[in-house]
Amino acid sequence: MGNAGTIPLKIRVGKRFTITIPKEVREKLNIKEGDELEVIVVDDGIMLRKIVSLIEFIDSVKPKGSIKEFLKEREEEIKLENERVNELIK
């Protein structure tokens, strides 16, 4: 029996020691092909944890999407600043 918050599932180790992460786990953790996972050895087992980028983490904070909107606005500001600098040095 697992700890609180755990979902005990059986998986099989394949050729070259590969494992397949069950669909319900991939969906719950939003794991996609190419994502990096951290492997942690604990006592008599292993734990896989999805590595979340700083932008993904910040973007998950409410209001959702705020970091992406900020970066988009900042990119537009940089373009305007560069245009002004180019006008001044002509």
PDB file of N, CA and C in Angstrom:
ATOM      1  N   MET A   1       0.845  -1.190   0.000  1.00  0.00           N
ATOM      2  CA  MET A   1       0.000   0.000   0.000  1.00  0.00           C
ATOM      3  C   MET A   1       0.882   1.242   0.000  1.00  0.00           C
ATOM      4  N   GLY A   2       0.518   2.268  -0.776  1.00  0.00           N
ATOM      5  CA  GLY A   2       1.334   3.461  -0.900  1.00  0.00           C
ATOM      6  C   GLY A   2       1.049   4.486   0.182  1.00  0.00           C
ATOM      7  N   ASN A   3       1.866   5.527   0.227  1.00  0.00           N
ATOM      8  CA  ASN A   3       1.665   6.632   1.152  1.00  0.00           C
ATOM      9  C   ASN A   3       0.538   7.518   0.655  1.00  0.00           C
ATOM     10  N   ALA A   4       0.105   8.446   1.496  1.00  0.00           N
ATOM     11  CA  ALA A   4      -0.928   9.398   1.083  1.00  0.00           C
ATOM     12  C   ALA A   4      -0.446  10.147  -0.148  1.00  0.00           C
ATOM     13  N   GLY A   5      -1.288  10.259  -1.151  1.00  0.00           N
ATOM     14  CA  GLY A   5      -0.919  10.971  -2.361  1.00  0.00           C
ATOM     15  C   GLY A   5      -0.219  10.111  -3.393  1.00  0.00           C
ATOM     16  N   THR A   6      -0.013   8.839  -3.095  1.00  0.00           N
ATOM     17  CA  THR A   6       0.655   7.964  -4.052  1.00  0.00           C
ATOM     18  C   THR A   6      -0.369   7.121  -4.790  1.00  0.00           C
ATOM     19  N   ILE A   7      -0.008   6.719  -5.999  1.00  0.00           N
ATOM     20  CA  ILE A   7      -0.850   5.856  -6.816  1.00  0.00           C
ATOM     21  C   ILE A   7      -0.024   4.622  -7.147  1.00  0.00           C
ATOM     22  N   PRO A   8      -0.233   3.508  -6.429  1.00  0.00           N
ATOM     23  CA  PRO A   8       0.577   2.316  -6.720  1.00  0.00           C
ATOM     24  C   PRO A   8       0.182   1.689  -8.062  1.00  0.00           C
ATOM     25  N   LEU A   9       1.133   1.570  -8.962  1.00  0.00           N
ATOM     26  CA  LEU A   9       0.913   0.961 -10.277  1.00  0.00           C
ATOM     27  C   LEU A   9       2.071   0.018 -10.561  1.00  0.00           C
ATOM     28  N   LYS A  10       1.799  -1.052 -11.291  1.00  0.00           N
ATOM     29  CA  LYS A  10       2.867  -1.960 -11.703  1.00  0.00           C
ATOM     30  C   LYS A  10       3.273  -1.627 -13.124  1.00  0.00           C
ATOM     31  N   ILE A  11       4.578  -1.602 -13.361  1.00  0.00           N
ATOM     32  CA  ILE A  11       5.100  -1.457 -14.712  1.00  0.00           C
ATOM     33  C   ILE A  11       6.188  -2.504 -14.889  1.00  0.00           C
ATOM     34  N   ARG A  12       6.534  -2.799 -16.121  1.00  0.00           N
ATOM     35  CA  ARG A  12       7.527  -3.822 -16.418  1.00  0.00           C
ATOM     36  C   ARG A  12       8.759  -3.167 -17.042  1.00  0.00           C
ATOM     37  N   VAL A  13       9.924  -3.666 -16.667  1.00  0.00           N
ATOM     38  CA  VAL A  13      11.171  -3.191 -17.248  1.00  0.00           C
ATOM     39  C   VAL A  13      11.365  -3.913 -18.578  1.00  0.00           C
ATOM     40  N   GLY A  14      11.573  -3.141 -19.650  1.00  0.00           N
ATOM     41  CA  GLY A  14      11.720  -3.709 -20.984  1.00  0.00           C
ATOM     42  C   GLY A  14      13.181  -3.869 -21.388  1.00  0.00           C
ATOM     43  N   LYS A  15      13.360  -4.145 -22.677  1.00  0.00           N
ATOM     44  CA  LYS A  15      14.714  -4.263 -23.219  1.00  0.00           C
ATOM     45  C   LYS A  15      15.458  -2.966 -22.944  1.00  0.00           C
ATOM     46  N   ARG A  16      16.760  -3.087 -22.754  1.00  0.00           N
ATOM     47  CA  ARG A  16      17.614  -1.944 -22.460  1.00  0.00           C
ATOM     48  C   ARG A  16      17.146  -1.204 -21.211  1.00  0.00           C
ATOM     49  N   PHE A  17      16.418  -1.913 -20.328  1.00  0.00           N
ATOM     50  CA  PHE A  17      15.967  -1.394 -19.032  1.00  0.00           C
ATOM     51  C   PHE A  17      15.044  -0.188 -19.164  1.00  0.00           C
ATOM     52  N   THR A  18      14.255  -0.136 -20.221  1.00  0.00           N
ATOM     53  CA  THR A  18      13.302   0.964 -20.396  1.00  0.00           C
ATOM     54  C   THR A  18      12.017   0.661 -19.640  1.00  0.00           C
ATOM     55  N   ILE A  19      11.326   1.726 -19.238  1.00  0.00           N
ATOM     56  CA  ILE A  19      10.006   1.594 -18.628  1.00  0.00           C
ATOM     57  C   ILE A  19       9.050   2.530 -19.351  1.00  0.00           C
ATOM     58  N   THR A  20       7.779   2.188 -19.330  1.00  0.00           N
ATOM     59  CA  THR A  20       6.758   3.051 -19.909  1.00  0.00           C
ATOM     60  C   THR A  20       5.949   3.641 -18.770  1.00  0.00           C
ATOM     61  N   ILE A  21       5.827   4.951 -18.773  1.00  0.00           N
ATOM     62  CA  ILE A  21       5.038   5.622 -17.738  1.00  0.00           C
ATOM     63  C   ILE A  21       3.566   5.501 -18.134  1.00  0.00           C
ATOM     64  N   PRO A  22       2.738   4.954 -17.248  1.00  0.00           N
ATOM     65  CA  PRO A  22       1.316   4.772 -17.578  1.00  0.00           C
ATOM     66  C   PRO A  22       0.631   6.082 -17.975  1.00  0.00           C
ATOM     67  N   LYS A  23      -0.334   5.950 -18.865  1.00  0.00           N
ATOM     68  CA  LYS A  23      -1.037   7.105 -19.418  1.00  0.00           C
ATOM     69  C   LYS A  23      -1.626   8.008 -18.333  1.00  0.00           C
ATOM     70  N   GLU A  24      -2.270   7.412 -17.328  1.00  0.00           N
ATOM     71  CA  GLU A  24      -2.899   8.238 -16.291  1.00  0.00           C
ATOM     72  C   GLU A  24      -1.872   9.051 -15.511  1.00  0.00           C
ATOM     73  N   VAL A  25      -0.665   8.524 -15.354  1.00  0.00           N
ATOM     74  CA  VAL A  25       0.404   9.267 -14.676  1.00  0.00           C
ATOM     75  C   VAL A  25       0.907  10.390 -15.577  1.00  0.00           C
ATOM     76  N   ARG A  26       1.119  10.081 -16.875  1.00  0.00           N
ATOM     77  CA  ARG A  26       1.582  11.116 -17.819  1.00  0.00           C
ATOM     78  C   ARG A  26       0.595  12.268 -17.878  1.00  0.00           C
ATOM     79  N   GLU A  27      -0.695  11.935 -17.903  1.00  0.00           N
ATOM     80  CA  GLU A  27      -1.712  12.984 -17.982  1.00  0.00           C
ATOM     81  C   GLU A  27      -1.764  13.800 -16.691  1.00  0.00           C
ATOM     82  N   LYS A  28      -1.712  13.124 -15.537  1.00  0.00           N
ATOM     83  CA  LYS A  28      -1.787  13.826 -14.249  1.00  0.00           C
ATOM     84  C   LYS A  28      -0.619  14.788 -14.074  1.00  0.00           C
ATOM     85  N   LEU A  29       0.578  14.373 -14.514  1.00  0.00           N
ATOM     86  CA  LEU A  29       1.771  15.208 -14.349  1.00  0.00           C
ATOM     87  C   LEU A  29       2.122  16.016 -15.591  1.00  0.00           C
ATOM     88  N   ASN A  30       1.281  15.910 -16.631  1.00  0.00           N
ATOM     89  CA  ASN A  30       1.503  16.626 -17.890  1.00  0.00           C
ATOM     90  C   ASN A  30       2.900  16.329 -18.447  1.00  0.00           C
ATOM     91  N   ILE A  31       3.254  15.044 -18.489  1.00  0.00           N
ATOM     92  CA  ILE A  31       4.547  14.616 -19.018  1.00  0.00           C
ATOM     93  C   ILE A  31       4.389  14.372 -20.511  1.00  0.00           C
ATOM     94  N   LYS A  32       5.249  15.005 -21.286  1.00  0.00           N
ATOM     95  CA  LYS A  32       5.214  14.854 -22.749  1.00  0.00           C
ATOM     96  C   LYS A  32       6.539  14.282 -23.229  1.00  0.00           C
ATOM     97  N   GLU A  33       6.521  13.733 -24.440  1.00  0.00           N
ATOM     98  CA  GLU A  33       7.749  13.189 -25.032  1.00  0.00           C
ATOM     99  C   GLU A  33       8.820  14.273 -25.061  1.00  0.00           C
ATOM    100  N   GLY A  34      10.015  13.914 -24.619  1.00  0.00           N
ATOM    101  CA  GLY A  34      11.118  14.860 -24.603  1.00  0.00           C
ATOM    102  C   GLY A  34      11.306  15.561 -23.267  1.00  0.00           C
ATOM    103  N   ASP A  35      10.305  15.490 -22.373  1.00  0.00           N
ATOM    104  CA  ASP A  35      10.458  16.097 -21.050  1.00  0.00           C
ATOM    105  C   ASP A  35      11.573  15.394 -20.288  1.00  0.00           C
ATOM    106  N   GLU A  36      12.239  16.129 -19.418  1.00  0.00           N
ATOM    107  CA  GLU A  36      13.271  15.546 -18.573  1.00  0.00           C
ATOM    108  C   GLU A  36      12.665  15.161 -17.235  1.00  0.00           C
ATOM    109  N   LEU A  37      13.090  13.997 -16.730  1.00  0.00           N
ATOM    110  CA  LEU A  37      12.665  13.534 -15.417  1.00  0.00           C
ATOM    111  C   LEU A  37      13.897  13.365 -14.551  1.00  0.00           C
ATOM    112  N   GLU A  38      13.744  13.650 -13.277  1.00  0.00           N
ATOM    113  CA  GLU A  38      14.812  13.464 -12.316  1.00  0.00           C
ATOM    114  C   GLU A  38      14.614  12.091 -11.672  1.00  0.00           C
ATOM    115  N   VAL A  39      15.688  11.299 -11.545  1.00  0.00           N
ATOM    116  CA  VAL A  39      15.630   9.986 -10.905  1.00  0.00           C
ATOM    117  C   VAL A  39      16.249  10.118  -9.522  1.00  0.00           C
ATOM    118  N   ILE A  40      15.487   9.747  -8.502  1.00  0.00           N
ATOM    119  CA  ILE A  40      15.946   9.840  -7.122  1.00  0.00           C
ATOM    120  C   ILE A  40      15.896   8.436  -6.513  1.00  0.00           C
ATOM    121  N   VAL A  41      17.018   7.983  -5.957  1.00  0.00           N
ATOM    122  CA  VAL A  41      17.074   6.682  -5.301  1.00  0.00           C
ATOM    123  C   VAL A  41      16.672   6.879  -3.842  1.00  0.00           C
ATOM    124  N   VAL A  42      15.628   6.161  -3.409  1.00  0.00           N
ATOM    125  CA  VAL A  42      15.141   6.254  -2.037  1.00  0.00           C
ATOM    126  C   VAL A  42      15.065   4.856  -1.430  1.00  0.00           C
ATOM    127  N   ASP A  43      15.784   4.656  -0.341  1.00  0.00           N
ATOM    128  CA  ASP A  43      15.798   3.369   0.361  1.00  0.00           C
ATOM    129  C   ASP A  43      15.849   2.194  -0.611  1.00  0.00           C
ATOM    130  N   ASP A  44      14.727   1.515  -0.775  1.00  0.00           N
ATOM    131  CA  ASP A  44      14.695   0.327  -1.633  1.00  0.00           C
ATOM    132  C   ASP A  44      13.943   0.579  -2.935  1.00  0.00           C
ATOM    133  N   GLY A  45      13.902   1.816  -3.395  1.00  0.00           N
ATOM    134  CA  GLY A  45      13.164   2.120  -4.611  1.00  0.00           C
ATOM    135  C   GLY A  45      13.726   3.321  -5.342  1.00  0.00           C
ATOM    136  N   ILE A  46      13.010   3.718  -6.379  1.00  0.00           N
ATOM    137  CA  ILE A  46      13.372   4.915  -7.126  1.00  0.00           C
ATOM    138  C   ILE A  46      12.145   5.796  -7.245  1.00  0.00           C
ATOM    139  N   MET A  47      12.390   7.081  -7.386  1.00  0.00           N
ATOM    140  CA  MET A  47      11.307   8.031  -7.586  1.00  0.00           C
ATOM    141  C   MET A  47      11.644   8.844  -8.834  1.00  0.00           C
ATOM    142  N   LEU A  48      10.670   9.005  -9.702  1.00  0.00           N
ATOM    143  CA  LEU A  48      10.824   9.863 -10.878  1.00  0.00           C
ATOM    144  C   LEU A  48      10.065  11.147 -10.608  1.00  0.00           C
ATOM    145  N   ARG A  49      10.693  12.266 -10.920  1.00  0.00           N
ATOM    146  CA  ARG A  49      10.039  13.552 -10.717  1.00  0.00           C
ATOM    147  C   ARG A  49      10.218  14.384 -11.969  1.00  0.00           C
ATOM    148  N   LYS A  50       9.135  15.011 -12.431  1.00  0.00           N
ATOM    149  CA  LYS A  50       9.209  15.877 -13.601  1.00  0.00           C
ATOM    150  C   LYS A  50       9.977  17.138 -13.234  1.00  0.00           C
ATOM    151  N   ILE A  51      10.938  17.488 -14.072  1.00  0.00           N
ATOM    152  CA  ILE A  51      11.693  18.722 -13.879  1.00  0.00           C
ATOM    153  C   ILE A  51      10.880  19.848 -14.507  1.00  0.00           C
ATOM    154  N   VAL A  52      10.608  20.862 -13.720  1.00  0.00           N
ATOM    155  CA  VAL A  52       9.802  21.994 -14.189  1.00  0.00           C
ATOM    156  C   VAL A  52      10.721  23.188 -14.366  1.00  0.00           C
ATOM    157  N   SER A  53      10.658  23.803 -15.541  1.00  0.00           N
ATOM    158  CA  SER A  53      11.484  24.985 -15.786  1.00  0.00           C
ATOM    159  C   SER A  53      10.970  26.147 -14.940  1.00  0.00           C
ATOM    160  N   LEU A  54      11.835  27.124 -14.734  1.00  0.00           N
ATOM    161  CA  LEU A  54      11.453  28.290 -13.943  1.00  0.00           C
ATOM    162  C   LEU A  54      10.253  28.998 -14.572  1.00  0.00           C
ATOM    163  N   ILE A  55      10.252  29.118 -15.889  1.00  0.00           N
ATOM    164  CA  ILE A  55       9.135  29.798 -16.560  1.00  0.00           C
ATOM    165  C   ILE A  55       7.844  29.010 -16.379  1.00  0.00           C
ATOM    166  N   GLU A  56       7.909  27.662 -16.485  1.00  0.00           N
ATOM    167  CA  GLU A  56       6.710  26.843 -16.263  1.00  0.00           C
ATOM    168  C   GLU A  56       6.195  27.019 -14.838  1.00  0.00           C
ATOM    169  N   PHE A  57       7.137  27.050 -13.871  1.00  0.00           N
ATOM    170  CA  PHE A  57       6.730  27.224 -12.482  1.00  0.00           C
ATOM    171  C   PHE A  57       6.071  28.578 -12.265  1.00  0.00           C
ATOM    172  N   ILE A  58       6.728  29.628 -12.728  1.00  0.00           N
ATOM    173  CA  ILE A  58       6.188  30.974 -12.541  1.00  0.00           C
ATOM    174  C   ILE A  58       4.853  31.109 -13.263  1.00  0.00           C
ATOM    175  N   ASP A  59       4.765  30.487 -14.452  1.00  0.00           N
ATOM    176  CA  ASP A  59       3.530  30.575 -15.231  1.00  0.00           C
ATOM    177  C   ASP A  59       2.377  29.844 -14.543  1.00  0.00           C
ATOM    178  N   SER A  60       2.684  28.885 -13.674  1.00  0.00           N
ATOM    179  CA  SER A  60       1.622  28.159 -12.979  1.00  0.00           C
ATOM    180  C   SER A  60       1.043  28.973 -11.823  1.00  0.00           C
ATOM    181  N   VAL A  61       1.755  30.046 -11.431  1.00  0.00           N
ATOM    182  CA  VAL A  61       1.285  30.911 -10.354  1.00  0.00           C
ATOM    183  C   VAL A  61       0.152  31.783 -10.885  1.00  0.00           C
ATOM    184  N   LYS A  62      -0.813  32.044 -10.046  1.00  0.00           N
ATOM    185  CA  LYS A  62      -1.965  32.836 -10.462  1.00  0.00           C
ATOM    186  C   LYS A  62      -1.584  34.307 -10.541  1.00  0.00           C
ATOM    187  N   PRO A  63      -2.081  35.137 -11.428  1.00  0.00           N
ATOM    188  CA  PRO A  63      -2.948  34.704 -12.515  1.00  0.00           C
ATOM    189  C   PRO A  63      -2.170  33.921 -13.560  1.00  0.00           C
ATOM    190  N   LYS A  64      -2.745  32.820 -13.974  1.00  0.00           N
ATOM    191  CA  LYS A  64      -2.090  31.907 -14.908  1.00  0.00           C
ATOM    192  C   LYS A  64      -1.750  32.639 -16.204  1.00  0.00           C
ATOM    193  N   GLY A  65      -0.549  32.401 -16.714  1.00  0.00           N
ATOM    194  CA  GLY A  65      -0.120  33.012 -17.962  1.00  0.00           C
ATOM    195  C   GLY A  65       0.548  34.358 -17.789  1.00  0.00           C
ATOM    196  N   SER A  66       0.665  34.827 -16.559  1.00  0.00           N
ATOM    197  CA  SER A  66       1.180  36.174 -16.348  1.00  0.00           C
ATOM    198  C   SER A  66       2.629  36.328 -16.793  1.00  0.00           C
ATOM    199  N   ILE A  67       3.472  35.321 -16.598  1.00  0.00           N
ATOM    200  CA  ILE A  67       4.881  35.446 -16.994  1.00  0.00           C
ATOM    201  C   ILE A  67       5.020  35.495 -18.509  1.00  0.00           C
ATOM    202  N   LYS A  68       4.226  34.702 -19.215  1.00  0.00           N
ATOM    203  CA  LYS A  68       4.300  34.718 -20.679  1.00  0.00           C
ATOM    204  C   LYS A  68       3.850  36.076 -21.211  1.00  0.00           C
ATOM    205  N   GLU A  69       2.820  36.635 -20.612  1.00  0.00           N
ATOM    206  CA  GLU A  69       2.339  37.951 -21.032  1.00  0.00           C
ATOM    207  C   GLU A  69       3.399  39.011 -20.735  1.00  0.00           C
ATOM    208  N   PHE A  70       4.033  38.918 -19.558  1.00  0.00           N
ATOM    209  CA  PHE A  70       5.099  39.851 -19.202  1.00  0.00           C
ATOM    210  C   PHE A  70       6.246  39.771 -20.201  1.00  0.00           C
ATOM    211  N   LEU A  71       6.689  38.543 -20.527  1.00  0.00           N
ATOM    212  CA  LEU A  71       7.806  38.377 -21.463  1.00  0.00           C
ATOM    213  C   LEU A  71       7.452  38.897 -22.853  1.00  0.00           C
ATOM    214  N   LYS A  72       6.202  38.711 -23.265  1.00  0.00           N
ATOM    215  CA  LYS A  72       5.750  39.219 -24.569  1.00  0.00           C
ATOM    216  C   LYS A  72       5.793  40.751 -24.585  1.00  0.00           C
ATOM    217  N   GLU A  73       5.286  41.358 -23.516  1.00  0.00           N
ATOM    218  CA  GLU A  73       5.299  42.815 -23.425  1.00  0.00           C
ATOM    219  C   GLU A  73       6.733  43.344 -23.392  1.00  0.00           C
ATOM    220  N   ARG A  74       7.596  42.657 -22.646  1.00  0.00           N
ATOM    221  CA  ARG A  74       8.999  43.095 -22.545  1.00  0.00           C
ATOM    222  C   ARG A  74       9.696  42.996 -23.892  1.00  0.00           C
ATOM    223  N   GLU A  75       9.390  41.955 -24.655  1.00  0.00           N
ATOM    224  CA  GLU A  75       9.976  41.800 -25.993  1.00  0.00           C
ATOM    225  C   GLU A  75       9.576  42.967 -26.895  1.00  0.00           C
ATOM    226  N   GLU A  76       8.313  43.385 -26.808  1.00  0.00           N
ATOM    227  CA  GLU A  76       7.843  44.524 -27.608  1.00  0.00           C
ATOM    228  C   GLU A  76       8.539  45.821 -27.168  1.00  0.00           C
ATOM    229  N   GLU A  77       8.740  45.974 -25.851  1.00  0.00           N
ATOM    230  CA  GLU A  77       9.433  47.160 -25.348  1.00  0.00           C
ATOM    231  C   GLU A  77      10.875  47.207 -25.853  1.00  0.00           C
ATOM    232  N   ILE A  78      11.532  46.058 -25.873  1.00  0.00           N
ATOM    233  CA  ILE A  78      12.915  45.987 -26.349  1.00  0.00           C
ATOM    234  C   ILE A  78      12.993  46.385 -27.818  1.00  0.00           C
ATOM    235  N   LYS A  79      12.021  45.936 -28.622  1.00  0.00           N
ATOM    236  CA  LYS A  79      12.000  46.323 -30.038  1.00  0.00           C
ATOM    237  C   LYS A  79      11.895  47.838 -30.184  1.00  0.00           C
ATOM    238  N   LEU A  80      10.986  48.451 -29.405  1.00  0.00           N
ATOM    239  CA  LEU A  80      10.823  49.904 -29.466  1.00  0.00           C
ATOM    240  C   LEU A  80      12.094  50.624 -29.013  1.00  0.00           C
ATOM    241  N   GLU A  81      12.711  50.119 -27.952  1.00  0.00           N
ATOM    242  CA  GLU A  81      13.949  50.732 -27.470  1.00  0.00           C
ATOM    243  C   GLU A  81      15.048  50.643 -28.523  1.00  0.00           C
ATOM    244  N   ASN A  82      15.159  49.513 -29.178  1.00  0.00           N
ATOM    245  CA  ASN A  82      16.171  49.345 -30.227  1.00  0.00           C
ATOM    246  C   ASN A  82      15.909  50.265 -31.407  1.00  0.00           C
ATOM    247  N   GLU A  83      14.644  50.441 -31.777  1.00  0.00           N
ATOM    248  CA  GLU A  83      14.302  51.360 -32.865  1.00  0.00           C
ATOM    249  C   GLU A  83      14.699  52.789 -32.499  1.00  0.00           C
ATOM    250  N   ARG A  84      14.445  53.192 -31.252  1.00  0.00           N
ATOM    251  CA  ARG A  84      14.804  54.544 -30.800  1.00  0.00           C
ATOM    252  C   ARG A  84      16.316  54.742 -30.809  1.00  0.00           C
ATOM    253  N   VAL A  85      17.044  53.725 -30.346  1.00  0.00           N
ATOM    254  CA  VAL A  85      18.506  53.814 -30.336  1.00  0.00           C
ATOM    255  C   VAL A  85      19.021  53.945 -31.759  1.00  0.00           C
ATOM    256  N   ASN A  86      18.483  53.173 -32.684  1.00  0.00           N
ATOM    257  CA  ASN A  86      18.902  53.241 -34.076  1.00  0.00           C
ATOM    258  C   ASN A  86      18.632  54.607 -34.684  1.00  0.00           C
ATOM    259  N   GLU A  87      17.510  55.227 -34.321  1.00  0.00           N
ATOM    260  CA  GLU A  87      17.202  56.566 -34.814  1.00  0.00           C
ATOM    261  C   GLU A  87      18.206  57.592 -34.266  1.00  0.00           C
ATOM    262  N   LEU A  88      18.598  57.426 -33.011  1.00  0.00           N
ATOM    263  CA  LEU A  88      19.506  58.378 -32.389  1.00  0.00           C
ATOM    264  C   LEU A  88      20.937  58.285 -32.945  1.00  0.00           C
ATOM    265  N   ILE A  89      21.357  57.101 -33.363  1.00  0.00           N
ATOM    266  CA  ILE A  89      22.732  56.948 -33.827  1.00  0.00           C
ATOM    267  C   ILE A  89      22.874  57.151 -35.332  1.00  0.00           C
ATOM    268  N   LYS A  90      21.797  57.451 -36.002  1.00  0.00           N
ATOM    269  CA  LYS A  90      21.874  57.701 -37.464  1.00  0.00           C
ATOM    270  C   LYS A  90      22.483  59.034 -37.747  1.00  0.00           C
TER     271      LYS A  90
END
